Amino acid sequence: MVKVVYADGNTEYRLLSRLESRSSELNQRVTADVQNIIDDVRERGDEAITEYTRRFDGTHPRLDFIGYDELAEFANKCDPSVYIALQNAARNIEEFHRRQVQQSWLTTDKDGIIMGQRIRGLNRVGIYVPGGTAAYPSSVLMNAIPARIAGVKEIVMVTPPQKDGSYNTAVMAAAYISGVDKLYLCGGAQAVAGLAYGTESIQKVDKIVGPGNIFVATAKRLVYGVVDIDMIAGPSEILILADDTADPAYLAADLMSQAEHDPLASSILITTSSEIAQKTKCELENQIKNLSRADIIRKSLADYGAIIVCRSMDEAVDFANRLAPEHLEVMCENPMDYLSRLDNAGSVFLGKYSPEPLGDYYAGPNHVLPTSGTARFFSPLSVDSFIKKSSFISYNQNALESVARDIVTLAQEEGLDAHANSIRVRL
């Protein structure tokens, strides 16, 4: 089911190359189909969204939006235990993200110079949430709560209707709890196009965030530039660093928690202990018997999973930084000792009682994370994702005259005479 390999400076990096090629493959047919859908929605608006929703989801969309008051009524139908869990998770998410809020600022000096930066929330943000059997109320919380904290004026959510035209009650409850302003029952590439370009019913947004299948991800990529997007998310990933004190049962359970997402998901254990490696492989076989998505897990682990035995923890840390995984668990005796050395990861989970699902659902940090090695330069979704910044400058006459010579010199060096003239006419 999963291979055990021994690091030699070559074998483990061949695995890395395979993961990178998996993420970089582009389905040209999907791109062409999605571009046609986007163009059609731009041309025909609501009519096109309705047509594609009937074709792909087997039902009619609801393009008269569901507002906050109606969401409250739907939320009342949610299972009480689920509703309480969502409320508790939302409280943790809000508390964590409130610490990220930035303030506008200005500075002055005695020469009459004023400069600063103005920070405010985006005007309108669209959140995509999968529906049907793949409904994720936790994603509603993770996307909407930071947007609200950032000061976004209007949060618009789209989610596909179920086959009978109804809705997922937990998703509706999460939308109510997190403060979504408008909700439309439509999904797929057509919903992304509606958010990006606007229709008779859906107003154009400034940014689109949220997970989706290959058609949704492709649509987000194609409309980027017309609107902003959060990121192009690839298959889910987990890398676990473990020494000889780790519990193989925990390691196996956490590897499978990511493998069950998708046959393309990547679950890798890297350890310094051959004994831990073999025991974890046995645990995988034992635990998978009781799991409902065993077929997906087996394929994921066989194709993109591995247990790598390294010669030292230094070697393991180097590999982790090269892989730059979405989720990184540290199952070592003193996990905090490694935190300052792990520079490339979406989210780091320290110790045997901090499994990845804690971050997916509850702890507070965002679960929308960079994948496919992009943690080398991308960050998790945050309050910063929903703000825009403007700088401002104010010089008086004396202040401008004191620097005019330098500005004119630089403008002339670049051959921009009109820039230089803009300064000269004020002297």
Protein backbone atom coordinates (compact mmCIF):
# COMPACT_ATOMS: atom_id res chain seq x y z
CA MET A 1 0.00 0.00 0.00
CA VAL A 2 2.80 2.43 0.88
CA LYS A 3 6.50 2.19 0.14
CA VAL A 4 9.26 2.36 2.74
CA VAL A 5 12.39 3.89 1.24
CA TYR A 6 15.75 4.82 2.67
CA ALA A 7 17.07 8.31 2.06
CA ASP A 8 20.26 8.46 0.07
CA GLY A 9 20.13 12.00 -1.26
CA ASN A 10 18.55 10.78 -4.48
CA THR A 11 15.60 8.44 -3.89
CA GLU A 12 13.63 10.85 -1.72
CA TYR A 13 14.06 13.66 -4.23
CA ARG A 14 12.75 11.51 -7.07
CA LEU A 15 9.58 11.31 -5.00
CA LEU A 16 9.59 15.09 -4.74
CA SER A 17 9.86 15.38 -8.52
CA ARG A 18 6.86 13.10 -8.93
CA LEU A 19 4.80 15.25 -6.57
CA GLU A 20 5.82 18.41 -8.42
CA SER A 21 4.84 16.95 -11.79
CA ARG A 22 1.48 15.87 -10.36
CA SER A 23 0.75 19.44 -9.34
CA SER A 24 1.93 21.05 -12.55
CA GLU A 25 -0.08 18.93 -14.97
CA LEU A 26 -2.62 21.06 -16.81
CA ASN A 27 -5.74 19.53 -18.28
CA GLN A 28 -6.12 21.40 -21.55
CA ARG A 29 -9.56 20.00 -22.22
CA VAL A 30 -10.85 21.17 -18.83
CA THR A 31 -9.36 24.61 -19.46
CA ALA A 32 -11.09 24.90 -22.83
CA ASP A 33 -14.43 23.73 -21.44
CA VAL A 34 -14.24 26.12 -18.49
CA GLN A 35 -13.29 29.05 -20.70
CA ASN A 36 -16.39 28.36 -22.82
CA ILE A 37 -18.56 28.39 -19.70
CA ILE A 38 -17.03 31.67 -18.52
CA ASP A 39 -17.55 33.29 -21.91
CA ASP A 40 -21.14 32.09 -22.01
CA VAL A 41 -21.91 33.46 -18.55
CA ARG A 42 -20.39 36.81 -19.55
CA GLU A 43 -22.67 36.85 -22.57
CA ARG A 44 -25.94 35.45 -21.18
CA GLY A 45 -25.68 35.95 -17.40
CA ASP A 46 -28.37 34.26 -15.30
CA GLU A 47 -29.69 32.29 -18.27
CA ALA A 48 -26.33 30.58 -18.76
CA ILE A 49 -25.90 29.86 -15.04
CA THR A 50 -29.36 28.28 -14.97
CA GLU A 51 -28.62 26.14 -18.02
CA TYR A 52 -25.30 24.83 -16.68
CA THR A 53 -26.73 24.18 -13.21
CA ARG A 54 -29.48 22.05 -14.74
CA ARG A 55 -26.91 20.18 -16.82
CA PHE A 56 -24.28 19.57 -14.15
CA ASP A 57 -26.26 19.55 -10.89
CA GLY A 58 -29.57 18.21 -12.19
CA THR A 59 -31.63 20.99 -10.66
CA HIS A 60 -32.43 24.70 -10.83
CA PRO A 61 -30.19 27.30 -9.19
CA ARG A 62 -31.59 29.85 -6.79
CA LEU A 63 -30.48 33.24 -8.01
CA ASP A 64 -32.72 35.30 -5.77
CA PHE A 65 -30.27 35.57 -2.93
CA ILE A 66 -30.78 34.16 0.54
CA GLY A 67 -30.13 36.95 3.03
CA TYR A 68 -29.02 36.93 6.63
CA ASP A 69 -32.54 36.73 8.10
CA GLU A 70 -33.48 33.77 5.93
CA LEU A 71 -30.17 32.08 6.74
CA ALA A 72 -31.18 32.27 10.40
CA GLU A 73 -34.32 30.28 9.62
CA PHE A 74 -32.35 27.64 7.73
CA ALA A 75 -29.75 27.46 10.49
CA ASN A 76 -32.48 26.51 12.97
CA LYS A 77 -32.88 23.26 11.05
CA CYS A 78 -29.26 22.27 11.62
CA ASP A 79 -28.52 19.40 13.99
CA PRO A 80 -28.06 21.07 17.43
CA SER A 81 -24.79 19.27 18.18
CA VAL A 82 -23.36 20.34 14.81
CA TYR A 83 -24.52 23.91 15.38
CA ILE A 84 -22.84 24.09 18.80
CA ALA A 85 -19.61 22.65 17.38
CA LEU A 86 -19.67 25.25 14.59
CA GLN A 87 -20.22 28.04 17.12
CA ASN A 88 -17.30 26.86 19.24
CA ALA A 89 -15.03 26.56 16.21
CA ALA A 90 -16.09 30.01 14.98
CA ARG A 91 -15.18 31.53 18.34
CA ASN A 92 -11.65 30.08 18.11
CA ILE A 93 -11.23 31.16 14.49
CA GLU A 94 -12.38 34.68 15.27
CA GLU A 95 -10.10 35.03 18.28
CA PHE A 96 -7.06 33.90 16.27
CA HIS A 97 -7.76 36.14 13.27
CA ARG A 98 -8.51 39.27 15.30
CA ARG A 99 -4.83 39.27 16.26
CA GLN A 100 -3.96 39.76 12.57
CA VAL A 101 -5.76 43.09 12.16
CA GLN A 102 -3.52 45.92 10.94
CA GLN A 103 -4.05 49.61 11.55
CA SER A 104 -3.69 52.56 9.21
CA TRP A 105 -0.81 54.86 10.14
CA LEU A 106 0.85 58.16 9.32
CA THR A 107 4.09 59.88 10.18
CA THR A 108 5.05 63.55 10.18
CA ASP A 109 8.29 65.48 10.55
CA LYS A 110 9.29 69.06 11.18
CA ASP A 111 9.76 69.85 7.48
CA GLY A 112 6.06 69.61 6.77
CA ILE A 113 6.11 66.09 5.33
CA ILE A 114 3.18 63.75 6.01
CA MET A 115 3.22 60.13 4.81
CA GLY A 116 1.30 57.07 5.73
CA GLN A 117 -0.71 54.03 4.79
CA ARG A 118 -4.46 53.56 4.74
CA ILE A 119 -5.85 50.04 5.30
CA ARG A 120 -9.43 49.01 4.66
CA GLY A 121 -11.43 45.94 3.75
CA LEU A 122 -12.38 45.03 0.20
CA ASN A 123 -15.80 46.13 -0.95
CA ARG A 124 -17.28 42.77 -1.96
CA VAL A 125 -15.86 39.25 -1.67
CA GLY A 126 -17.22 36.00 -3.12
CA ILE A 127 -16.84 32.71 -1.25
CA TYR A 128 -17.16 29.42 -3.09
CA VAL A 129 -18.28 26.44 -0.99
CA PRO A 130 -18.67 22.92 -2.42
CA GLY A 131 -22.12 21.36 -2.00
CA GLY A 132 -23.85 18.00 -2.18
CA THR A 133 -21.91 15.09 -0.71
CA ALA A 134 -18.72 17.20 -0.53
CA ALA A 135 -20.11 19.92 1.72
CA TYR A 136 -17.65 21.65 4.02
CA PRO A 137 -19.19 23.97 6.63
CA SER A 138 -15.73 24.40 8.17
CA SER A 139 -14.59 26.11 4.95
CA VAL A 140 -17.40 28.64 5.29
CA LEU A 141 -16.07 29.65 8.71
CA MET A 142 -12.44 29.77 7.56
CA ASN A 143 -13.22 32.02 4.59
CA ALA A 144 -16.00 34.27 5.87
CA ILE A 145 -14.77 35.08 9.39
CA PRO A 146 -11.43 36.64 8.33
CA ALA A 147 -13.27 38.59 5.63
CA ARG A 148 -15.70 40.02 8.16
CA ILE A 149 -12.90 40.88 10.59
CA ALA A 150 -11.02 42.63 7.76
CA GLY A 151 -14.00 44.91 7.22
CA VAL A 152 -15.28 43.55 3.90
CA LYS A 153 -18.50 45.43 3.20
CA GLU A 154 -20.39 42.53 1.62
CA ILE A 155 -19.68 38.80 1.79
CA VAL A 156 -21.35 36.84 -1.01
CA MET A 157 -21.39 33.04 -0.97
CA VAL A 158 -22.20 30.56 -3.73
CA THR A 159 -22.77 26.85 -3.18
CA PRO A 160 -24.32 24.25 -5.49
CA PRO A 161 -27.89 23.13 -4.78
CA GLN A 162 -28.41 19.48 -3.98
CA LYS A 163 -30.11 17.26 -6.55
CA ASP A 164 -33.56 18.00 -5.13
CA GLY A 165 -32.85 21.74 -5.10
CA SER A 166 -32.41 21.87 -1.32
CA TYR A 167 -29.39 22.89 0.75
CA ASN A 168 -26.97 21.49 3.28
CA THR A 169 -28.16 22.64 6.70
CA ALA A 170 -24.67 22.67 8.25
CA VAL A 171 -23.36 24.87 5.43
CA MET A 172 -26.31 27.24 5.91
CA ALA A 173 -25.70 27.35 9.65
CA ALA A 174 -22.02 28.12 9.11
CA ALA A 175 -22.96 30.94 6.72
CA TYR A 176 -25.27 32.42 9.35
CA ILE A 177 -22.73 32.09 12.18
CA SER A 178 -19.92 33.65 10.17
CA GLY A 179 -21.95 36.61 8.89
CA VAL A 180 -22.47 35.92 5.17
CA ASP A 181 -24.62 38.69 3.67
CA LYS A 182 -25.93 36.98 0.52
CA LEU A 183 -26.04 33.34 -0.53
CA TYR A 184 -26.84 32.00 -4.00
CA LEU A 185 -27.60 28.34 -4.67
CA CYS A 186 -25.38 27.81 -7.70
CA GLY A 187 -21.98 26.27 -8.16
CA GLY A 188 -19.32 25.13 -10.58
CA ALA A 189 -17.37 27.22 -13.05
CA GLN A 190 -20.57 29.07 -13.90
CA ALA A 191 -20.86 30.41 -10.35
CA VAL A 192 -17.23 31.56 -10.40
CA ALA A 193 -17.87 33.37 -13.68
CA GLY A 194 -20.98 35.00 -12.21
CA LEU A 195 -18.98 36.31 -9.26
CA ALA A 196 -16.16 37.54 -11.50
CA TYR A 197 -18.20 39.33 -14.15
CA GLY A 198 -21.59 39.84 -12.56
CA THR A 199 -25.02 38.88 -13.91
CA GLU A 200 -28.54 40.24 -13.60
CA SER A 201 -28.76 38.74 -10.11
CA ILE A 202 -25.16 38.49 -8.89
CA GLN A 203 -23.06 41.61 -8.41
CA LYS A 204 -19.42 41.47 -9.44
CA VAL A 205 -17.04 40.86 -6.54
CA ASP A 206 -13.47 42.03 -5.97
CA LYS A 207 -12.04 38.69 -4.85
CA ILE A 208 -13.04 35.01 -4.97
CA VAL A 209 -11.90 32.56 -2.30
CA GLY A 210 -12.74 29.02 -1.33
CA PRO A 211 -12.11 25.40 -2.39
CA GLY A 212 -13.58 23.50 -5.31
CA ASN A 213 -13.03 20.74 -7.84
CA ILE A 214 -10.81 20.99 -10.91
CA PHE A 215 -13.46 22.99 -12.80
CA VAL A 216 -13.81 25.53 -10.02
CA ALA A 217 -10.04 25.81 -9.55
CA THR A 218 -9.56 26.26 -13.30
CA ALA A 219 -12.27 28.92 -13.42
CA LYS A 220 -10.60 30.84 -10.59
CA ARG A 221 -7.29 30.71 -12.43
CA LEU A 222 -8.89 31.97 -15.65
CA VAL A 223 -10.68 34.93 -14.03
CA TYR A 224 -7.64 36.02 -12.03
CA GLY A 225 -6.81 39.56 -13.07
CA VAL A 226 -10.46 40.44 -13.53
CA VAL A 227 -10.79 39.71 -9.82
CA ASP A 228 -8.30 38.63 -7.20
CA ILE A 229 -8.30 35.05 -5.91
CA ASP A 230 -6.92 33.40 -2.80
CA MET A 231 -4.70 30.76 -4.44
CA ILE A 232 -4.71 27.89 -6.91
CA ALA A 233 -5.08 24.96 -4.54
CA GLY A 234 -3.69 21.57 -5.47
CA PRO A 235 -4.30 18.18 -3.86
CA SER A 236 -4.03 18.00 -0.08
CA GLU A 237 -0.69 17.16 1.54
CA ILE A 238 0.75 16.11 4.85
CA LEU A 239 4.36 15.53 5.86
CA ILE A 240 5.12 14.08 9.29
CA LEU A 241 8.54 14.32 10.93
CA ALA A 242 8.99 11.57 13.54
CA ASP A 243 11.78 10.33 15.75
CA ASP A 244 11.91 7.04 17.64
CA THR A 245 9.55 8.33 20.37
CA ALA A 246 6.58 8.67 17.99
CA ASP A 247 3.51 6.44 18.24
CA PRO A 248 3.00 4.44 14.99
CA ALA A 249 -0.77 4.32 15.57
CA TYR A 250 -0.93 8.11 15.59
CA LEU A 251 1.34 8.37 12.56
CA ALA A 252 -0.78 5.96 10.51
CA ALA A 253 -4.04 7.66 11.49
CA ASP A 254 -2.73 11.09 10.50
CA LEU A 255 -1.33 9.91 7.17
CA MET A 256 -4.72 8.45 6.26
CA SER A 257 -6.58 11.59 7.39
CA GLN A 258 -5.10 13.37 4.36
CA ALA A 259 -5.05 10.42 1.98
CA GLU A 260 -8.83 10.10 2.21
CA HIS A 261 -9.32 13.50 0.56
CA ASP A 262 -8.33 12.51 -2.95
CA PRO A 263 -6.40 9.82 -4.87
CA LEU A 264 -3.95 12.62 -5.74
CA ALA A 265 -3.38 13.58 -2.09
CA SER A 266 0.13 13.16 -0.73
CA SER A 267 0.87 11.64 2.70
CA ILE A 268 4.53 11.24 3.64
CA LEU A 269 6.21 10.13 6.84
CA ILE A 270 9.89 10.91 7.26
CA THR A 271 11.58 9.35 10.26
CA THR A 272 14.99 8.46 11.62
CA SER A 273 13.77 5.08 12.88
CA SER A 274 13.45 1.95 10.71
CA GLU A 275 11.39 0.36 13.48
CA ILE A 276 8.90 3.24 13.50
CA ALA A 277 8.69 3.01 9.71
CA GLN A 278 7.79 -0.68 9.69
CA LYS A 279 5.36 -0.41 12.60
CA THR A 280 3.59 2.50 10.94
CA LYS A 281 3.18 0.46 7.75
CA CYS A 282 1.56 -2.31 9.80
CA GLU A 283 -0.73 0.20 11.53
CA LEU A 284 -1.89 1.51 8.17
CA GLU A 285 -3.03 -1.98 7.18
CA ASN A 286 -4.79 -2.49 10.51
CA GLN A 287 -6.60 0.83 10.70
CA ILE A 288 -7.69 1.10 7.09
CA LYS A 289 -10.03 -1.88 7.51
CA ASN A 290 -12.43 0.28 9.51
CA LEU A 291 -12.47 3.34 7.23
CA SER A 292 -15.22 4.15 4.74
CA ARG A 293 -12.91 5.71 2.13
CA ALA A 294 -10.40 2.86 2.16
CA ASP A 295 -10.19 2.62 -1.65
CA ILE A 296 -9.25 6.29 -2.01
CA ILE A 297 -6.72 5.99 0.83
CA ARG A 298 -5.04 2.95 -0.70
CA LYS A 299 -4.65 4.58 -4.10
CA SER A 300 -3.38 7.83 -2.62
CA LEU A 301 -0.79 6.10 -0.46
CA ALA A 302 0.31 3.79 -3.28
CA ASP A 303 0.73 6.57 -5.85
CA TYR A 304 1.83 9.60 -3.82
CA GLY A 305 2.58 8.36 -0.32
CA ALA A 306 5.85 7.18 1.19
CA ILE A 307 7.62 6.37 4.41
CA ILE A 308 11.17 7.70 4.19
CA VAL A 309 13.86 6.65 6.64
CA CYS A 310 16.45 9.43 7.00
CA ARG A 311 19.93 9.26 8.45
CA SER A 312 19.40 12.23 10.77
CA MET A 313 16.77 14.77 11.82
CA ASP A 314 18.85 17.45 10.09
CA GLU A 315 18.35 15.58 6.83
CA ALA A 316 14.63 15.24 7.58
CA VAL A 317 14.26 18.96 8.26
CA ASP A 318 16.07 19.81 5.01
CA PHE A 319 13.69 17.58 3.08
CA ALA A 320 10.67 19.15 4.78
CA ASN A 321 11.80 22.64 3.81
CA ARG A 322 12.35 21.51 0.23
CA LEU A 323 8.93 19.87 0.02
CA ALA A 324 7.17 22.89 1.64
CA PRO A 325 4.07 20.89 2.57
CA GLU A 326 0.58 22.18 3.20
CA HIS A 327 0.45 20.44 6.61
CA LEU A 328 3.55 19.55 8.63
CA GLU A 329 3.32 17.50 11.81
CA VAL A 330 6.28 17.21 14.18
CA MET A 331 6.06 13.97 16.18
CA CYS A 332 9.31 14.25 18.09
CA GLU A 333 10.31 14.23 21.72
CA ASN A 334 10.79 18.00 21.83
CA PRO A 335 8.77 19.33 18.89
CA MET A 336 9.19 23.02 19.75
CA ASP A 337 12.94 22.63 19.18
CA TYR A 338 12.28 22.28 15.46
CA LEU A 339 9.82 25.13 14.93
CA SER A 340 12.41 27.81 14.20
CA ARG A 341 14.06 25.56 11.58
CA LEU A 342 10.90 24.70 9.64
CA ASP A 343 10.64 27.64 7.28
CA ASN A 344 8.40 26.29 4.53
CA ALA A 345 5.02 24.92 5.59
CA GLY A 346 1.44 26.08 5.42
CA SER A 347 0.67 25.09 9.01
CA VAL A 348 2.81 23.28 11.58
CA PHE A 349 1.36 20.88 14.18
CA LEU A 350 3.59 20.29 17.17
CA GLY A 351 3.41 17.16 19.29
CA LYS A 352 1.40 13.97 19.39
CA TYR A 353 -1.77 15.65 20.65
CA SER A 354 -1.91 18.22 17.83
CA PRO A 355 -3.17 16.21 14.85
CA GLU A 356 -3.96 17.94 11.57
CA PRO A 357 -7.78 17.71 11.91
CA LEU A 358 -7.47 20.00 14.93
CA GLY A 359 -6.44 22.71 12.48
CA ASP A 360 -8.97 21.71 9.83
CA TYR A 361 -11.93 22.27 12.09
CA TYR A 362 -11.34 23.94 15.39
CA ALA A 363 -8.14 25.40 16.79
CA GLY A 364 -8.34 28.81 15.10
CA PRO A 365 -5.56 29.16 12.50
CA ASN A 366 -6.88 29.09 8.96
CA HIS A 367 -7.10 25.79 7.11
CA VAL A 368 -6.90 27.42 3.66
CA LEU A 369 -3.21 26.74 3.07
CA PRO A 370 -0.70 26.84 0.20
CA THR A 371 -0.14 23.50 -1.53
CA SER A 372 2.20 22.03 -4.13
CA GLY A 373 5.33 23.56 -2.64
CA THR A 374 3.96 27.12 -2.76
CA ALA A 375 4.43 27.47 1.01
CA ARG A 376 7.93 28.61 -0.02
CA PHE A 377 6.36 31.97 -0.95
CA PHE A 378 2.61 31.89 -0.13
CA SER A 379 0.94 32.22 3.26
CA PRO A 380 -2.32 30.83 4.68
CA LEU A 381 -5.56 32.71 4.11
CA SER A 382 -5.81 35.49 6.68
CA VAL A 383 -7.30 38.88 7.45
CA ASP A 384 -4.55 40.29 5.19
CA SER A 385 -6.13 38.42 2.28
CA PHE A 386 -9.20 40.66 2.45
CA ILE A 387 -7.67 44.11 2.79
CA LYS A 388 -6.16 46.64 0.44
CA LYS A 389 -3.58 49.27 1.23
CA SER A 390 -3.03 52.76 -0.13
CA SER A 391 -0.11 55.02 0.67
CA PHE A 392 -0.43 58.79 0.93
CA ILE A 393 2.08 61.64 0.70
CA SER A 394 1.82 65.32 1.56
CA TYR A 395 4.78 67.75 1.13
CA ASN A 396 4.60 71.51 1.59
CA GLN A 397 6.46 73.96 -0.65
CA ASN A 398 9.64 74.07 1.41
CA ALA A 399 9.80 70.30 1.66
CA LEU A 400 9.41 69.86 -2.09
CA GLU A 401 12.01 72.50 -2.90
CA SER A 402 14.52 70.78 -0.63
CA VAL A 403 14.39 67.54 -2.65
CA ALA A 404 13.55 68.88 -6.12
CA ARG A 405 17.09 68.65 -7.48
CA ASP A 406 17.35 64.92 -6.71
CA ILE A 407 13.96 64.14 -8.27
CA VAL A 408 14.77 66.08 -11.46
CA THR A 409 18.15 64.33 -11.69
CA LEU A 410 16.55 60.87 -11.43
CA ALA A 411 13.78 61.73 -13.90
CA GLN A 412 16.34 62.94 -16.45
CA GLU A 413 18.44 59.82 -15.93
CA GLU A 414 15.39 57.76 -16.91
CA GLY A 415 14.60 59.99 -19.87
CA LEU A 416 11.25 61.11 -18.47
CA ASP A 417 11.28 64.84 -19.12
CA ALA A 418 7.62 65.37 -18.22
CA HIS A 419 8.32 63.95 -14.78
CA ALA A 420 11.13 66.47 -14.33
CA ASN A 421 8.91 69.25 -15.65
CA SER A 422 6.21 68.40 -13.10
CA ILE A 423 8.74 69.32 -10.41
CA ARG A 424 10.26 72.36 -12.18
CA VAL A 425 6.97 74.19 -12.70
CA ARG A 426 6.51 74.27 -8.92
CA LEU A 427 9.90 75.87 -8.16
